[in-house]
Structure formats: C-alpha cells, structure tokens
C-alpha cells in the first residue's frame, strides 16, 4: 500500500483569462478502498485548498487523481516614492 505524489507546478491546460492553476498528481494503489481515497482527498481539499480536477481508474485498479488550486498573485498595494537626484 503506497501513495505516490508528484507535485506538478506547470499549467497543463489553457487557463481562463487571468486565472492560473497549480496541479498536483496523486496515485493510489488498488489496495486503497474507495472510502479511504475519498477521506484522503477530502483532507487535502479542506486543508490545502485543492479541488478535484480529474480521476482516472486504470484497468489494474490504480487510481490516478489530479488536483488543482488557484495560484493567487499578490499585487503591491504600496509603491515607495521614487528617489530622484538631489535638486
């Protein structure tokens, strides 16, 4: 029973104008039950701000999950005065 994670900070899809997303790929072995996977994903959503983007269940039972969250860019609210040459 292993859970492998690969943080993927690339924008895989074309985002809406002005919106940037961070993606995380998680793989669950077939040994994890559906309820356990759901609890783990709810935990990540509540504490990490992630939302479910995609779930793929392969024929061998492995679940490949892609989570996403918005990247919030901070804009400066205060610009210090520019210092020019002495007059």
Protein backbone atom coordinates (compact mmCIF):
# COMPACT_ATOMS: atom_id res chain seq x y z
CA UNK A 1 0.00 0.00 0.00
CA UNK A 2 1.74 3.09 -1.20
CA UNK A 3 0.67 6.56 -2.18
CA UNK A 4 2.94 8.33 -4.59
CA UNK A 5 2.82 12.06 -5.14
CA UNK A 6 4.32 14.22 -7.82
CA UNK A 7 3.88 17.94 -7.48
CA UNK A 8 3.42 19.42 -10.92
CA UNK A 9 3.67 23.21 -10.95
CA UNK A 10 3.12 23.56 -14.67
CA UNK A 11 -0.02 24.76 -16.32
CA UNK A 12 -1.17 21.67 -18.22
CA UNK A 13 -4.26 23.23 -19.77
CA UNK A 14 -5.10 26.62 -21.18
CA UNK A 15 -6.47 28.58 -18.22
CA UNK A 16 -9.24 31.16 -18.32
CA UNK A 17 -8.04 34.70 -18.77
CA UNK A 18 -6.27 35.91 -15.64
CA UNK A 19 -6.57 32.59 -13.77
CA UNK A 20 -3.54 30.45 -13.04
CA UNK A 21 -3.75 26.93 -11.62
CA UNK A 22 -1.32 24.70 -9.77
CA UNK A 23 -1.77 20.97 -10.39
CA UNK A 24 -0.82 18.01 -8.23
CA UNK A 25 -0.88 14.41 -9.39
CA UNK A 26 -1.51 11.65 -6.84
CA UNK A 27 -1.57 7.90 -7.49
CA UNK A 28 -3.36 5.46 -5.20
CA UNK A 29 -2.70 1.72 -5.37
CA UNK A 30 -5.59 -0.67 -5.80
CA UNK A 31 -5.20 -1.66 -2.12
CA UNK A 32 -6.90 1.58 -1.02
CA UNK A 33 -10.67 1.34 -0.74
CA UNK A 34 -12.92 3.95 -2.29
CA UNK A 35 -13.86 5.36 1.11
CA UNK A 36 -10.23 5.71 2.20
CA UNK A 37 -9.35 7.54 -1.03
CA UNK A 38 -12.34 9.82 -0.55
CA UNK A 39 -11.28 10.65 3.02
CA UNK A 40 -7.72 11.42 1.93
CA UNK A 41 -8.92 13.68 -0.87
CA UNK A 42 -11.36 15.50 1.41
CA UNK A 43 -8.50 16.09 3.86
CA UNK A 44 -6.33 17.63 1.11
CA UNK A 45 -9.23 19.76 -0.11
CA UNK A 46 -10.11 21.14 3.33
CA UNK A 47 -6.57 21.86 4.50
CA UNK A 48 -4.74 22.59 1.27
CA UNK A 49 -7.34 24.41 -0.80
CA UNK A 50 -7.28 21.76 -3.55
CA UNK A 51 -10.22 20.80 -5.73
CA UNK A 52 -10.71 17.69 -7.82
CA UNK A 53 -9.79 18.12 -11.48
CA UNK A 54 -9.68 14.56 -12.80
CA UNK A 55 -9.84 10.92 -11.64
CA UNK A 56 -8.77 8.02 -13.82
CA UNK A 57 -9.10 4.41 -12.71
CA UNK A 58 -6.89 2.12 -14.77
CA UNK A 59 -7.85 -1.48 -15.65
CA UNK A 60 -5.48 -2.77 -12.94
CA UNK A 61 -7.34 -0.73 -10.28
CA UNK A 62 -4.82 2.09 -9.77
CA UNK A 63 -6.44 5.50 -9.23
CA UNK A 64 -4.70 8.49 -10.79
CA UNK A 65 -6.02 11.73 -9.37
CA UNK A 66 -5.26 15.27 -10.50
CA UNK A 67 -5.99 18.06 -8.03
CA UNK A 68 -5.85 21.77 -8.76
CA UNK A 69 -5.88 25.05 -6.88
CA UNK A 70 -5.73 28.66 -7.94
CA UNK A 71 -2.45 30.49 -7.78
CA UNK A 72 -3.10 33.83 -6.12
CA UNK A 73 -0.62 36.52 -7.09
CA UNK A 74 -0.14 39.35 -4.63
CA UNK A 75 -0.04 42.81 -6.16
CA UNK A 76 1.85 45.51 -4.33
CA UNK A 77 -0.55 47.94 -2.67
CA UNK A 78 2.09 50.47 -1.71
CA UNK A 79 4.76 51.81 -4.00
CA UNK A 80 7.51 53.70 -2.17
CA UNK A 81 8.24 57.16 -3.57
CA UNK A 82 10.99 57.22 -6.13
CA UNK A 83 14.14 58.97 -5.07
CA UNK A 84 15.44 61.33 -7.72
CA UNK A 85 18.68 63.23 -7.92
CA UNK A 86 19.08 66.00 -5.31
CA UNK A 87 17.87 69.37 -6.51
